[in-house]
Amino acid sequence: MNSSQIIFRNLAITLGTLMLLLAILFLLVSFSQEQSSTLVYTNFTIPVASESSSPSQESQNRRYVIDKHVVLMGQSFSMITSIYWDSYFLWPDLYVHNDLRSEDPDLIFPDEIVDIYNRLGTGNTYTQTERALIMDAYIKVYDRFKALGSHKDGSAWTLLWCGAKFDKDFLDRYAHRIDSEDLAIAKRYVDEEKYLD
């Protein structure tokens, strides 16, 4: 190993360690802050065929801001939902509730402020309505990737595959909204990689 490779390796190790320390510091700071009690309601209507909507169900599915997150270098929506909601697979739900500078769901910038909404579901348990809201967020993000062009196809395919984590019928249910080539590739992902269960 020559001296420039050694320097590069040491620099990479130092930067990695620094990023880890910053992430730990961020977690400590974010958990020590009081959560915001500001309520910001969003409007949505998603019909669910086999579940009637009662006032108590509607109030359970109201979305409101519980915290605000200042984006750090290298963070993504999935990383943020992993911190606040303990699930990186819920990131499309967070994305659709925030209007940030970039139109690319894969890209957020340092110092942007992301509103953290109340989480849908508890652990891995979701009501039918919560599951429908998550799937609707997935298809909205899919539409966004498609609008950005073919260079985002890989992101779209992975997103569709992840949608199957929440509902094994997701690809069939939304087949009318998904490009047939994308649908075939996503189904192949599911066949090869399974459903993540």
Protein backbone atom coordinates (compact mmCIF):
# COMPACT_ATOMS: atom_id res chain seq x y z
CA MET A 1 0.00 0.00 0.00
CA ASN A 2 1.55 3.31 -1.02
CA SER A 3 1.51 6.45 1.13
CA SER A 4 -1.40 8.11 -0.72
CA GLN A 5 -3.55 5.00 -0.21
CA ILE A 6 -2.68 4.97 3.49
CA ILE A 7 -3.57 8.66 3.81
CA PHE A 8 -6.84 8.12 1.94
CA ARG A 9 -7.70 5.10 4.13
CA ASN A 10 -6.94 7.04 7.32
CA LEU A 11 -9.00 9.99 6.09
CA ALA A 12 -11.94 7.69 5.28
CA ILE A 13 -11.74 6.11 8.75
CA THR A 14 -11.57 9.53 10.41
CA LEU A 15 -14.54 10.85 8.42
CA GLY A 16 -16.56 7.71 9.16
CA THR A 17 -15.83 8.04 12.87
CA LEU A 18 -16.75 11.72 12.80
CA MET A 19 -20.07 10.94 11.05
CA LEU A 20 -20.84 8.27 13.66
CA LEU A 21 -20.10 10.69 16.49
CA LEU A 22 -22.27 13.37 14.88
CA ALA A 23 -25.13 10.87 14.50
CA ILE A 24 -24.86 9.87 18.16
CA LEU A 25 -24.72 13.53 19.21
CA PHE A 26 -27.77 14.27 17.08
CA LEU A 27 -29.70 11.39 18.66
CA LEU A 28 -28.81 12.58 22.16
CA VAL A 29 -29.86 16.15 21.38
CA SER A 30 -33.10 15.15 19.64
CA PHE A 31 -34.17 12.86 22.48
CA SER A 32 -33.41 15.48 25.12
CA GLN A 33 -35.54 18.18 23.50
CA GLU A 34 -39.16 18.52 24.46
CA GLN A 35 -41.52 17.42 21.75
CA SER A 36 -43.52 20.16 20.08
CA SER A 37 -47.22 20.12 20.79
CA THR A 38 -48.14 22.21 17.75
CA LEU A 39 -50.96 20.60 15.86
CA VAL A 40 -50.92 20.85 12.09
CA TYR A 41 -53.69 18.88 10.46
CA THR A 42 -53.50 17.63 6.91
CA ASN A 43 -56.45 16.74 4.77
CA PHE A 44 -56.75 13.37 3.15
CA THR A 45 -59.53 11.08 2.06
CA ILE A 46 -58.78 7.50 1.16
CA PRO A 47 -61.70 5.17 0.72
CA VAL A 48 -61.31 1.74 2.29
CA ALA A 49 -63.82 -0.77 0.99
CA SER A 50 -64.23 -3.13 3.94
CA GLU A 51 -63.83 -0.72 6.84
CA SER A 52 -66.51 1.83 7.68
CA SER A 53 -65.30 5.19 8.86
CA SER A 54 -66.45 6.27 12.29
CA PRO A 55 -65.62 9.55 14.06
CA SER A 56 -63.24 7.71 16.43
CA GLN A 57 -61.35 6.14 13.48
CA GLU A 58 -61.13 9.52 11.75
CA SER A 59 -59.68 11.14 14.88
CA GLN A 60 -57.14 8.31 15.21
CA ASN A 61 -55.96 8.96 11.65
CA ARG A 62 -55.65 12.74 11.97
CA ARG A 63 -52.11 13.78 11.19
CA TYR A 64 -50.42 16.41 13.30
CA VAL A 65 -46.86 17.59 13.85
CA ILE A 66 -45.21 16.15 16.96
CA ASP A 67 -41.66 17.38 16.35
CA LYS A 68 -39.39 19.13 13.87
CA HIS A 69 -36.15 17.67 12.56
CA VAL A 70 -33.20 19.67 11.21
CA VAL A 71 -31.60 17.61 8.46
CA LEU A 72 -27.93 16.71 8.83
CA MET A 73 -25.53 15.98 5.98
CA GLY A 74 -26.12 12.53 4.53
CA GLN A 75 -29.57 11.98 6.04
CA SER A 76 -32.55 10.65 4.10
CA PHE A 77 -36.26 10.36 4.78
CA SER A 78 -35.81 6.68 5.61
CA MET A 79 -33.11 7.52 8.17
CA ILE A 80 -35.36 10.15 9.76
CA THR A 81 -38.35 7.79 10.03
CA SER A 82 -36.06 5.18 11.50
CA ILE A 83 -35.14 7.67 14.25
CA TYR A 84 -38.62 9.02 15.00
CA TRP A 85 -40.95 6.19 13.95
CA ASP A 86 -38.63 3.21 14.44
CA SER A 87 -39.22 2.11 10.84
CA TYR A 88 -37.38 3.22 7.75
CA PHE A 89 -40.08 1.64 5.55
CA LEU A 90 -42.57 4.38 6.51
CA TRP A 91 -40.56 7.13 4.83
CA PRO A 92 -43.00 7.73 1.92
CA ASP A 93 -45.63 8.79 4.48
CA LEU A 94 -43.23 11.38 5.91
CA TYR A 95 -42.20 12.57 2.45
CA VAL A 96 -45.76 13.28 1.25
CA HIS A 97 -46.45 15.41 4.32
CA ASN A 98 -43.44 17.70 3.79
CA ASP A 99 -42.85 20.23 1.05
CA LEU A 100 -39.09 20.66 0.76
CA ARG A 101 -36.70 22.24 -1.76
CA SER A 102 -35.94 19.16 -3.81
CA GLU A 103 -38.56 17.44 -5.95
CA ASP A 104 -36.52 14.22 -5.67
CA PRO A 105 -37.72 12.04 -2.78
CA ASP A 106 -34.18 10.64 -2.50
CA LEU A 107 -32.71 14.08 -1.84
CA ILE A 108 -32.99 16.40 1.14
CA PHE A 109 -30.53 19.12 2.06
CA PRO A 110 -28.70 19.83 5.33
CA ASP A 111 -30.47 22.40 7.54
CA GLU A 112 -33.88 21.80 5.95
CA ILE A 113 -36.60 21.38 8.55
CA VAL A 114 -38.76 18.27 8.28
CA ASP A 115 -42.08 18.20 10.13
CA ILE A 116 -42.41 14.94 12.03
CA TYR A 117 -46.02 13.80 12.13
CA ASN A 118 -47.70 11.33 14.42
CA ARG A 119 -46.84 7.81 13.33
CA LEU A 120 -49.29 5.49 11.65
CA GLY A 121 -49.55 2.09 13.30
CA THR A 122 -47.93 0.65 16.36
CA GLY A 123 -44.83 -1.44 15.81
CA ASN A 124 -45.68 -3.61 12.78
CA THR A 125 -49.44 -3.48 13.40
CA TYR A 126 -51.60 -1.25 11.19
CA THR A 127 -55.33 -0.82 10.85
CA GLN A 128 -56.75 -1.24 7.36
CA THR A 129 -57.09 2.54 7.08
CA GLU A 130 -53.48 3.13 8.22
CA ARG A 131 -52.26 0.53 5.74
CA ALA A 132 -54.24 2.29 2.97
CA LEU A 133 -52.67 5.64 3.91
CA ILE A 134 -49.18 4.15 3.77
CA MET A 135 -49.87 2.51 0.40
CA ASP A 136 -51.25 5.79 -0.94
CA ALA A 137 -48.02 7.50 0.12
CA TYR A 138 -46.00 4.82 -1.67
CA ILE A 139 -47.89 5.32 -4.93
CA LYS A 140 -47.56 9.11 -4.66
CA VAL A 141 -43.79 8.77 -4.26
CA TYR A 142 -43.73 6.32 -7.20
CA ASP A 143 -45.53 8.95 -9.32
CA ARG A 144 -42.93 11.51 -8.22
CA PHE A 145 -40.02 9.24 -9.25
CA LYS A 146 -41.65 8.61 -12.65
CA ALA A 147 -42.11 12.35 -13.20
CA LEU A 148 -38.37 12.86 -12.63
CA GLY A 149 -37.43 10.55 -15.52
CA SER A 150 -35.83 7.21 -16.28
CA HIS A 151 -32.72 7.92 -14.16
CA LYS A 152 -34.98 7.33 -11.10
CA ASP A 153 -36.25 3.92 -12.30
CA GLY A 154 -34.10 2.04 -9.78
CA SER A 155 -35.58 4.09 -6.94
CA ALA A 156 -39.10 3.48 -8.29
CA TRP A 157 -38.55 -0.30 -8.51
CA THR A 158 -37.14 -0.52 -5.00
CA LEU A 159 -40.00 1.60 -3.69
CA LEU A 160 -42.59 -0.71 -5.27
CA TRP A 161 -40.88 -3.75 -3.77
CA CYS A 162 -40.87 -2.11 -0.34
CA GLY A 163 -44.58 -1.33 -0.70
CA ALA A 164 -45.16 -5.09 -0.62
CA LYS A 165 -43.84 -5.16 2.96
CA PHE A 166 -47.06 -3.58 4.17
CA ASP A 167 -49.49 -5.28 1.85
CA LYS A 168 -48.69 -8.33 -0.25
CA ASP A 169 -51.49 -7.29 -2.63
CA PHE A 170 -50.02 -3.80 -3.10
CA LEU A 171 -48.66 -4.41 -6.61
CA ASP A 172 -51.90 -6.00 -7.78
CA ARG A 173 -54.08 -3.38 -6.08
CA TYR A 174 -52.19 -0.50 -7.70
CA ALA A 175 -51.37 -2.24 -11.01
CA HIS A 176 -53.55 0.28 -12.86
CA ARG A 177 -51.30 3.10 -11.56
CA ILE A 178 -47.95 1.38 -12.20
CA ASP A 179 -46.17 1.20 -15.55
CA SER A 180 -46.34 -2.40 -16.81
CA GLU A 181 -42.54 -2.70 -17.16
CA ASP A 182 -42.03 -1.32 -13.64
CA LEU A 183 -44.68 -3.71 -12.34
CA ALA A 184 -42.94 -6.70 -13.94
CA ILE A 185 -39.57 -5.68 -12.47
CA ALA A 186 -41.04 -5.06 -9.00
CA LYS A 187 -42.76 -8.48 -9.08
CA ARG A 188 -39.43 -10.04 -10.04
CA TYR A 189 -37.84 -8.30 -7.02
CA VAL A 190 -40.56 -9.80 -4.83
CA ASP A 191 -40.00 -13.27 -6.33
CA GLU A 192 -36.24 -13.04 -5.78
CA GLU A 193 -36.09 -11.12 -2.50
CA LYS A 194 -39.45 -12.09 -1.01
CA TYR A 195 -41.61 -9.78 1.08
CA LEU A 196 -39.11 -8.78 3.81
CA ASP A 197 -41.18 -10.65 6.45
